[in-house]
C-alpha atoms as a PDB file:
ATOM      1  CA  MET A   1      -8.070  13.746   4.620  1.00  0.00           C
ATOM      2  CA  ALA A   2     -10.412  16.289   6.118  1.00  0.00           C
ATOM      3  CA  VAL A   3      -7.604  18.493   7.391  1.00  0.00           C
ATOM      4  CA  VAL A   4      -6.170  18.610   3.707  1.00  0.00           C
ATOM      5  CA  ARG A   5      -9.609  19.455   2.180  1.00  0.00           C
ATOM      6  CA  LYS A   6      -9.895  22.291   4.565  1.00  0.00           C
ATOM      7  CA  ARG A   7      -6.522  23.602   3.939  1.00  0.00           C
ATOM      8  CA  LEU A   8      -6.847  23.545   0.091  1.00  0.00           C
ATOM      9  CA  GLY A   9     -10.446  24.513   0.110  1.00  0.00           C
ATOM     10  CA  ILE A  10     -11.446  21.588  -2.284  1.00  0.00           C
ATOM     11  CA  ARG A  11     -13.575  18.438  -1.751  1.00  0.00           C
ATOM     12  CA  SER A  12     -11.808  16.030  -4.326  1.00  0.00           C
ATOM     13  CA  VAL A  13      -9.110  14.561  -2.316  1.00  0.00           C
ATOM     14  CA  GLY A  14      -8.048  10.932  -2.289  1.00  0.00           C
ATOM     15  CA  HIS A  15      -5.157   8.716  -0.928  1.00  0.00           C
ATOM     16  CA  ALA A  16      -2.873   5.996  -2.346  1.00  0.00           C
ATOM     17  CA  GLY A  17      -3.597   3.381   0.548  1.00  0.00           C
ATOM     18  CA  THR A  18      -4.724   4.003   3.909  1.00  0.00           C
ATOM     19  CA  LEU A  19      -2.817   3.333   7.330  1.00  0.00           C
ATOM     20  CA  ASP A  20      -3.961   1.261   9.918  1.00  0.00           C
ATOM     21  CA  PRO A  21      -5.121   3.252  12.926  1.00  0.00           C
ATOM     22  CA  PHE A  22      -2.197   2.378  14.991  1.00  0.00           C
ATOM     23  CA  ALA A  23       0.396   2.833  12.404  1.00  0.00           C
ATOM     24  CA  THR A  24       2.294   5.962  11.484  1.00  0.00           C
ATOM     25  CA  GLY A  25       4.308   7.075   8.669  1.00  0.00           C
ATOM     26  CA  LEU A  26       3.769   8.185   4.958  1.00  0.00           C
ATOM     27  CA  LEU A  27       0.311   8.641   3.438  1.00  0.00           C
ATOM     28  CA  VAL A  28       0.565   9.801  -0.225  1.00  0.00           C
ATOM     29  CA  VAL A  29      -2.658  12.183  -0.618  1.00  0.00           C
ATOM     30  CA  LEU A  30      -3.830  12.397  -4.213  1.00  0.00           C
ATOM     31  CA  VAL A  31      -5.329  15.877  -5.674  1.00  0.00           C
ATOM     32  CA  GLY A  32       2.754   1.079  -5.864  1.00  0.00           C
ATOM     33  CA  ARG A  33       4.583  -0.532  -3.700  1.00  0.00           C
ATOM     34  CA  ALA A  34       4.980   0.514   0.014  1.00  0.00           C
ATOM     35  CA  THR A  35       7.998  -0.035   2.236  1.00  0.00           C
ATOM     36  CA  ARG A  36       7.307  -0.471   5.945  1.00  0.00           C
ATOM     37  CA  LEU A  37       9.272  -0.868   9.280  1.00  0.00           C
ATOM     38  CA  ALA A  38       7.533  -3.164  11.412  1.00  0.00           C
ATOM     39  CA  VAL A  39       7.969  -4.525  15.135  1.00  0.00           C
ATOM     40  CA  VAL A  40       6.497  -7.952  15.585  1.00  0.00           C
ATOM     41  CA  ARG A  41       6.018  -9.281  19.057  1.00  0.00           C
ATOM     42  CA  LEU A  42       6.485 -13.158  19.194  1.00  0.00           C
ATOM     43  CA  GLY A  43       4.806 -15.024  21.957  1.00  0.00           C
ATOM     44  CA  VAL A  44       1.696 -13.123  22.071  1.00  0.00           C
ATOM     45  CA  ALA A  45      -1.390 -13.044  19.789  1.00  0.00           C
ATOM     46  CA  THR A  46      -4.290 -10.543  19.795  1.00  0.00           C
ATOM     47  CA  ASP A  47      -7.692 -10.466  18.333  1.00  0.00           C
ATOM     48  CA  THR A  48      -6.671  -7.400  15.985  1.00  0.00           C
ATOM     49  CA  ASP A  49      -3.067  -9.026  15.248  1.00  0.00           C
ATOM     50  CA  ASP A  50      -1.709  -5.591  16.389  1.00  0.00           C
ATOM     51  CA  ALA A  51      -0.896  -4.059  19.893  1.00  0.00           C
ATOM     52  CA  THR A  52      -4.406  -2.298  20.194  1.00  0.00           C
ATOM     53  CA  GLY A  53      -6.275  -5.761  20.386  1.00  0.00           C
ATOM     54  CA  THR A  54      -7.004  -7.994  23.389  1.00  0.00           C
ATOM     55  CA  VAL A  55      -4.533 -10.943  24.074  1.00  0.00           C
ATOM     56  CA  ILE A  56      -6.153 -14.191  22.957  1.00  0.00           C
ATOM     57  CA  ARG A  57      -2.926 -16.333  23.294  1.00  0.00           C
ATOM     58  CA  GLU A  58       0.437 -16.131  25.304  1.00  0.00           C
ATOM     59  CA  VAL A  59       3.337 -18.444  25.047  1.00  0.00           C
ATOM     60  CA  THR A  60       6.784 -18.292  26.582  1.00  0.00           C
ATOM     61  CA  PRO A  61       8.845 -20.855  25.036  1.00  0.00           C
ATOM     62  CA  ALA A  62      11.657 -22.668  26.934  1.00  0.00           C
ATOM     63  CA  GLU A  63      13.974 -21.546  23.990  1.00  0.00           C
ATOM     64  CA  TRP A  64      13.241 -18.620  21.642  1.00  0.00           C
ATOM     65  CA  PRO A  65      13.883 -19.471  17.840  1.00  0.00           C
ATOM     66  CA  THR A  66      17.385 -18.958  16.712  1.00  0.00           C
ATOM     67  CA  SER A  67      18.276 -16.076  14.274  1.00  0.00           C
ATOM     68  CA  GLU A  68      18.623 -18.561  11.550  1.00  0.00           C
ATOM     69  CA  GLN A  69      15.204 -19.903  12.109  1.00  0.00           C
ATOM     70  CA  VAL A  70      13.500 -16.404  12.197  1.00  0.00           C
ATOM     71  CA  VAL A  71      15.495 -15.233   8.851  1.00  0.00           C
ATOM     72  CA  SER A  72      14.328 -18.582   7.241  1.00  0.00           C
ATOM     73  CA  ALA A  73      10.835 -18.290   8.307  1.00  0.00           C
ATOM     74  CA  ALA A  74      10.642 -14.630   7.094  1.00  0.00           C
ATOM     75  CA  GLY A  75      12.342 -15.448   3.837  1.00  0.00           C
ATOM     76  CA  ALA A  76       9.349 -17.850   3.223  1.00  0.00           C
ATOM     77  CA  LEU A  77       6.841 -15.269   3.386  1.00  0.00           C
ATOM     78  CA  VAL A  78       8.424 -13.663   0.233  1.00  0.00           C
ATOM     79  CA  GLY A  79       6.626 -13.886  -2.978  1.00  0.00           C
ATOM     80  CA  ARG A  80       3.133 -13.973  -4.356  1.00  0.00           C
ATOM     81  CA  GLN A  81       0.840 -15.718  -1.961  1.00  0.00           C
ATOM     82  CA  LEU A  82      -2.763 -16.067  -0.544  1.00  0.00           C
ATOM     83  CA  GLN A  83      -3.073 -14.076   2.552  1.00  0.00           C
ATOM     84  CA  VAL A  84      -6.095 -14.071   4.945  1.00  0.00           C
ATOM     85  CA  PRO A  85      -6.754 -10.507   6.134  1.00  0.00           C
ATOM     86  CA  PRO A  86      -7.136  -9.618   9.688  1.00  0.00           C
ATOM     87  CA  ALA A  87     -10.710  -9.951  11.090  1.00  0.00           C
ATOM     88  CA  TYR A  88     -10.484  -6.302  12.340  1.00  0.00           C
ATOM     89  CA  SER A  89      -9.805  -4.969   8.707  1.00  0.00           C
ATOM     90  CA  ALA A  90     -11.940  -2.634   6.286  1.00  0.00           C
ATOM     91  CA  LYS A  91     -12.887  -5.690   3.936  1.00  0.00           C
ATOM     92  CA  HIS A  92     -16.537  -6.075   3.259  1.00  0.00           C
ATOM     93  CA  VAL A  93     -18.466  -9.048   4.346  1.00  0.00           C
ATOM     94  CA  ASP A  94     -21.973  -9.009   2.800  1.00  0.00           C
ATOM     95  CA  GLY A  95     -21.816  -5.130   2.538  1.00  0.00           C
ATOM     96  CA  THR A  96     -20.488  -4.427   6.030  1.00  0.00           C
ATOM     97  CA  ARG A  97     -16.994  -3.725   7.194  1.00  0.00           C
ATOM     98  CA  SER A  98     -15.291  -6.687   8.666  1.00  0.00           C
ATOM     99  CA  TYR A  99     -14.080  -4.687  11.712  1.00  0.00           C
ATOM    100  CA  ALA A 100     -17.767  -3.699  12.620  1.00  0.00           C
ATOM    101  CA  LEU A 101     -18.709  -7.210  12.502  1.00  0.00           C
ATOM    102  CA  ALA A 102     -15.701  -8.294  14.735  1.00  0.00           C
ATOM    103  CA  ARG A 103     -16.468  -5.412  17.136  1.00  0.00           C
ATOM    104  CA  ALA A 104     -20.120  -6.631  17.484  1.00  0.00           C
ATOM    105  CA  GLY A 105     -18.876 -10.012  18.660  1.00  0.00           C
ATOM    106  CA  ARG A 106     -19.703 -11.815  15.355  1.00  0.00           C
ATOM    107  CA  ALA A 107     -17.488 -14.418  14.039  1.00  0.00           C
ATOM    108  CA  VAL A 108     -15.759 -13.316  10.813  1.00  0.00           C
ATOM    109  CA  GLU A 109     -14.286 -15.601   8.294  1.00  0.00           C
ATOM    110  CA  LEU A 110     -12.345 -13.775   5.223  1.00  0.00           C
ATOM    111  CA  ALA A 111     -11.511 -15.269   2.161  1.00  0.00           C
ATOM    112  CA  PRO A 112      -7.793 -15.258   1.393  1.00  0.00           C
ATOM    113  CA  VAL A 113      -6.638 -12.829  -1.331  1.00  0.00           C
ATOM    114  CA  GLU A 114      -3.467 -12.760  -3.474  1.00  0.00           C
ATOM    115  CA  VAL A 115      -0.737 -10.451  -2.259  1.00  0.00           C
ATOM    116  CA  MET A 116       2.739  -9.800  -3.327  1.00  0.00           C
ATOM    117  CA  VAL A 117       5.443  -9.357  -0.702  1.00  0.00           C
ATOM    118  CA  HIS A 118       8.754  -8.394  -2.354  1.00  0.00           C
ATOM    119  CA  ALA A 119      10.873  -8.402   0.720  1.00  0.00           C
ATOM    120  CA  PHE A 120      10.460  -9.287   4.287  1.00  0.00           C
ATOM    121  CA  GLU A 121      13.802  -8.851   5.939  1.00  0.00           C
ATOM    122  CA  VAL A 122      14.942  -9.220   9.492  1.00  0.00           C
ATOM    123  CA  ALA A 123      16.692  -6.331  10.695  1.00  0.00           C
ATOM    124  CA  GLU A 124      17.035  -7.198  14.561  1.00  0.00           C
ATOM    125  CA  TRP A 125      15.923 -10.257  16.700  1.00  0.00           C
ATOM    126  CA  THR A 126      16.010  -9.451  20.596  1.00  0.00           C
ATOM    127  CA  PRO A 127      13.447 -12.143  21.956  1.00  0.00           C
ATOM    128  CA  PRO A 128      10.699 -11.683  21.929  1.00  0.00           C
ATOM    129  CA  THR A 129      10.762  -8.613  19.646  1.00  0.00           C
ATOM    130  CA  LEU A 130      11.669  -8.779  15.933  1.00  0.00           C
ATOM    131  CA  LEU A 131      12.336  -5.751  13.613  1.00  0.00           C
ATOM    132  CA  ILE A 132      11.386  -6.191   9.874  1.00  0.00           C
ATOM    133  CA  HIS A 133      11.782  -4.266   7.009  1.00  0.00           C
ATOM    134  CA  ALA A 134       9.007  -5.064   4.434  1.00  0.00           C
ATOM    135  CA  ARG A 135       8.382  -4.047   0.969  1.00  0.00           C
ATOM    136  CA  VAL A 136       4.834  -5.162  -0.192  1.00  0.00           C
ATOM    137  CA  GLY A 137       2.372  -4.776  -2.983  1.00  0.00           C
ATOM    138  CA  ARG A 138      -1.119  -3.339  -2.792  1.00  0.00           C
ATOM    139  CA  GLY A 139      -3.538  -4.894  -0.361  1.00  0.00           C
ATOM    140  CA  THR A 140      -0.911  -6.632   1.776  1.00  0.00           C
ATOM    141  CA  TYR A 141      -1.504  -6.697   5.659  1.00  0.00           C
ATOM    142  CA  ILE A 142       1.631  -6.480   7.503  1.00  0.00           C
ATOM    143  CA  ARG A 143      -0.397  -7.468  10.675  1.00  0.00           C
ATOM    144  CA  SER A 144      -1.257 -10.699   8.673  1.00  0.00           C
ATOM    145  CA  LEU A 145       2.445 -11.350   7.789  1.00  0.00           C
ATOM    146  CA  ALA A 146       3.228 -11.015  11.488  1.00  0.00           C
ATOM    147  CA  ARG A 147       0.631 -13.634  12.459  1.00  0.00           C
ATOM    148  CA  ASP A 148       1.690 -15.833   9.593  1.00  0.00           C
ATOM    149  CA  LEU A 149       5.338 -15.393  10.679  1.00  0.00           C
ATOM    150  CA  GLY A 150       4.466 -16.551  14.194  1.00  0.00           C
ATOM    151  CA  GLU A 151       2.598 -19.703  12.682  1.00  0.00           C
ATOM    152  CA  ARG A 152       5.761 -20.577  10.954  1.00  0.00           C
ATOM    153  CA  LEU A 153       7.751 -20.382  13.944  1.00  0.00           C
ATOM    154  CA  ALA A 154       5.125 -22.187  16.072  1.00  0.00           C
ATOM    155  CA  LEU A 155       4.420 -19.247  18.286  1.00  0.00           C
ATOM    156  CA  PRO A 156       1.682 -16.605  18.706  1.00  0.00           C
ATOM    157  CA  ALA A 157       2.380 -13.203  17.259  1.00  0.00           C
ATOM    158  CA  HIS A 158       1.238  -9.779  16.627  1.00  0.00           C
ATOM    159  CA  CYS A 159       2.345  -6.452  14.946  1.00  0.00           C
ATOM    160  CA  ALA A 160       3.375  -4.245  17.904  1.00  0.00           C
ATOM    161  CA  GLU A 161       4.444  -1.420  15.889  1.00  0.00           C
ATOM    162  CA  LEU A 162       4.158  -0.325  12.084  1.00  0.00           C
ATOM    163  CA  ARG A 163       5.509   2.627  10.251  1.00  0.00           C
ATOM    164  CA  ARG A 164       5.183   3.277   6.582  1.00  0.00           C
ATOM    165  CA  THR A 165       8.525   4.646   5.311  1.00  0.00           C
ATOM    166  CA  SER A 166       7.862   5.141   1.498  1.00  0.00           C
ATOM    167  CA  ILE A 167       5.319   4.581  -1.258  1.00  0.00           C
ATOM    168  CA  GLY A 168       6.829   4.113  -4.640  1.00  0.00           C
ATOM    169  CA  PRO A 169       9.143   6.918  -5.401  1.00  0.00           C
ATOM    170  CA  PHE A 170       8.093   8.998  -2.323  1.00  0.00           C
ATOM    171  CA  GLY A 171       9.706   8.790   1.178  1.00  0.00           C
ATOM    172  CA  VAL A 172       8.553   9.877   4.520  1.00  0.00           C
ATOM    173  CA  GLU A 173      11.359  12.300   4.998  1.00  0.00           C
ATOM    174  CA  GLU A 174       9.819  14.388   2.147  1.00  0.00           C
ATOM    175  CA  ALA A 175       6.360  14.415   3.671  1.00  0.00           C
ATOM    176  CA  ILE A 176       4.615  17.333   5.407  1.00  0.00           C
ATOM    177  CA  ALA A 177       2.071  17.552   8.154  1.00  0.00           C
ATOM    178  CA  PRO A 178      -1.602  17.715   6.963  1.00  0.00           C
ATOM    179  CA  ASP A 179      -1.975  21.014   8.796  1.00  0.00           C
ATOM    180  CA  GLU A 180       0.784  22.467   6.859  1.00  0.00           C
ATOM    181  CA  VAL A 181      -0.467  21.656   3.419  1.00  0.00           C
ATOM    182  CA  THR A 182      -0.619  24.326   0.815  1.00  0.00           C
ATOM    183  CA  ALA A 183      -1.417  24.612  -2.949  1.00  0.00           C
ATOM    184  CA  ALA A 184       2.435  25.302  -3.524  1.00  0.00           C
ATOM    185  CA  ALA A 185       3.362  22.041  -2.013  1.00  0.00           C
ATOM    186  CA  LEU A 186       1.279  19.899  -4.186  1.00  0.00           C
ATOM    187  CA  VAL A 187       3.202  17.454  -6.362  1.00  0.00           C
ATOM    188  CA  PRO A 188       2.357  17.410 -10.023  1.00  0.00           C
ATOM    189  CA  PRO A 189       0.148  14.473 -11.180  1.00  0.00           C
ATOM    190  CA  ALA A 190       3.048  13.278 -13.729  1.00  0.00           C
ATOM    191  CA  ALA A 191       5.354  12.924 -10.656  1.00  0.00           C
ATOM    192  CA  MET A 192       2.961  10.081  -9.193  1.00  0.00           C
ATOM    193  CA  LEU A 193       3.478   8.050 -12.225  1.00  0.00           C
ATOM    194  CA  GLN A 194       7.303   8.009 -12.449  1.00  0.00           C
ATOM    195  CA  HIS A 195       7.192   4.272 -12.381  1.00  0.00           C
ATOM    196  CA  LEU A 196       5.304   4.042 -15.761  1.00  0.00           C
ATOM    197  CA  TRP A 197       6.365   3.984 -19.342  1.00  0.00           C
ATOM    198  CA  SER A 198       5.896   7.687 -20.502  1.00  0.00           C
ATOM    199  CA  GLU A 199       5.535   9.316 -23.721  1.00  0.00           C
ATOM    200  CA  VAL A 200       5.387  13.093 -24.716  1.00  0.00           C
ATOM    201  CA  VAL A 201       2.541  13.913 -26.994  1.00  0.00           C
ATOM    202  CA  GLY A 202       1.754  16.882 -29.205  1.00  0.00           C
ATOM    203  CA  GLU A 203      -1.208  19.104 -28.926  1.00  0.00           C
ATOM    204  CA  ASP A 204      -3.112  17.440 -31.805  1.00  0.00           C
ATOM    205  CA  ALA A 205      -2.768  14.240 -29.870  1.00  0.00           C
ATOM    206  CA  VAL A 206      -3.935  15.970 -26.640  1.00  0.00           C
ATOM    207  CA  LEU A 207      -7.193  16.849 -28.310  1.00  0.00           C
ATOM    208  CA  GLU A 208      -7.842  13.526 -29.682  1.00  0.00           C
ATOM    209  CA  ILE A 209      -7.197  11.941 -26.260  1.00  0.00           C
ATOM    210  CA  GLY A 210      -9.477  14.444 -24.854  1.00  0.00           C
ATOM    211  CA  PHE A 211     -12.329  12.783 -26.979  1.00  0.00           C
ATOM    212  CA  GLY A 212     -11.140   9.577 -25.701  1.00  0.00           C
ATOM    213  CA  ARG A 213      -9.684   8.534 -29.018  1.00  0.00           C
ATOM    214  CA  ALA A 214      -6.571   6.293 -29.512  1.00  0.00           C
ATOM    215  CA  VAL A 215      -3.323   8.034 -30.848  1.00  0.00           C
ATOM    216  CA  LEU A 216      -0.412   6.276 -32.414  1.00  0.00           C
ATOM    217  CA  GLN A 217       2.592   5.597 -30.417  1.00  0.00           C
ATOM    218  CA  GLN A 218       6.028   7.098 -31.035  1.00  0.00           C
ATOM    219  CA  VAL A 219       7.893   4.056 -29.779  1.00  0.00           C
ATOM    220  CA  ALA A 220       5.818   0.796 -29.515  1.00  0.00           C
ATOM    221  CA  HIS A 221       5.040  -0.154 -25.923  1.00  0.00           C
ATOM    222  CA  GLU A 222       2.666  -2.878 -24.657  1.00  0.00           C
ATOM    223  CA  GLY A 223       1.157  -2.078 -21.292  1.00  0.00           C
ATOM    224  CA  THR A 224       0.269   0.806 -19.229  1.00  0.00           C
ATOM    225  CA  GLY A 225       1.756   4.253 -19.996  1.00  0.00           C
ATOM    226  CA  ALA A 226       1.582   7.747 -19.046  1.00  0.00           C
ATOM    227  CA  LEU A 227       0.949  10.567 -21.870  1.00  0.00           C
ATOM    228  CA  ILE A 228       2.559  13.746 -20.973  1.00  0.00           C
ATOM    229  CA  ALA A 229       1.970  17.101 -22.670  1.00  0.00           C
ATOM    230  CA  GLY A 230       4.785  19.215 -24.062  1.00  0.00           C
ATOM    231  CA  ASP A 231       4.698  21.405 -20.895  1.00  0.00           C
ATOM    232  CA  GLY A 232       4.839  18.484 -18.511  1.00  0.00           C
ATOM    233  CA  ARG A 233       1.277  18.169 -17.407  1.00  0.00           C
ATOM    234  CA  LEU A 234      -0.293  14.743 -17.320  1.00  0.00           C
ATOM    235  CA  VAL A 235      -2.778  14.353 -19.880  1.00  0.00           C
ATOM    236  CA  ALA A 236      -3.944  10.586 -19.605  1.00  0.00           C
ATOM    237  CA  VAL A 237      -2.983   7.142 -18.453  1.00  0.00           C
ATOM    238  CA  ALA A 238      -3.408   4.791 -21.389  1.00  0.00           C
ATOM    239  CA  ASP A 239      -3.017   1.153 -22.445  1.00  0.00           C
ATOM    240  CA  GLY A 240      -0.555   0.670 -25.196  1.00  0.00           C
ATOM    241  CA  ARG A 241      -1.279  -2.179 -27.781  1.00  0.00           C
ATOM    242  CA  ASP A 242      -1.140  -2.619 -31.424  1.00  0.00           C
ATOM    243  CA  GLY A 243       1.045   0.395 -31.998  1.00  0.00           C
ATOM    244  CA  ALA A 244      -1.405   2.724 -30.327  1.00  0.00           C
ATOM    245  CA  TRP A 245      -2.278   4.498 -26.941  1.00  0.00           C
ATOM    246  CA  HIS A 246      -5.832   3.741 -26.037  1.00  0.00           C
ATOM    247  CA  PRO A 247      -6.882   6.357 -23.107  1.00  0.00           C
ATOM    248  CA  VAL A 248      -7.979   4.704 -19.750  1.00  0.00           C
ATOM    249  CA  VAL A 249      -8.144   7.683 -17.672  1.00  0.00           C
ATOM    250  CA  VAL A 250      -8.303  11.184 -19.325  1.00  0.00           C
ATOM    251  CA  LEU A 251      -7.357  14.079 -17.051  1.00  0.00           C
ATOM    252  CA  GLU A 252      -8.185  16.574 -19.679  1.00  0.00           C
ATOM    253  CA  PRO A 253     -11.360  15.551 -21.389  1.00  0.00           C
ATOM    254  CA  ALA A 254     -12.426  17.619 -24.434  1.00  0.00           C
ATOM    255  CA  ALA A 255     -15.110  20.304 -23.523  1.00  0.00           C
END
């Protein structure tokens, strides 16, 4: 993030979801849904649930699970569920990051949070290494999925490698390195919201939205939508209800 700020000469830079320190792949920088490629190592558990941690348990079974058993266990992790985040995570515990407490040797017990796993598919199983394609919603830890998969197979496990390959409509093959960022490479804000219902609004509506006022919908829609000006610029993200758009985030507030 610091590299991008320096390259563009602006301070207001954000992102659409962090990457774990050991992970590689796509980070959408902001001036949905993520797809990841993971390597799960069965038979070994670590205190961080990834390959950077200290081994806390190791098992070599007389027979490794069959492909059918692995596929079944992975399939059971698909859907909405409660997930316990890793102890070494950025979750807050009484105002302190969980990883800071864990590194200080303090026991960390994190409450489970609801997450959505859209897909958790076995691509290759060569004991003890398992290649997984995962498509998950916001806040889902692949490290925790690796750990939970191991539990379903009665084996310790950790995420040995992790690469994020896409976020929503954006793929890693389209990415550029942080030190190659230029103003010309920036993607228009409206492109970030291709997954939302959108409506083009006239300049009179743009003015009303700038004051935070609701405007009538051209086509009735209940739920979140992107309001786009005639020239393609993103004006606001709004909540659609009762035949009107109610601005939630206004990108062009009235002076």
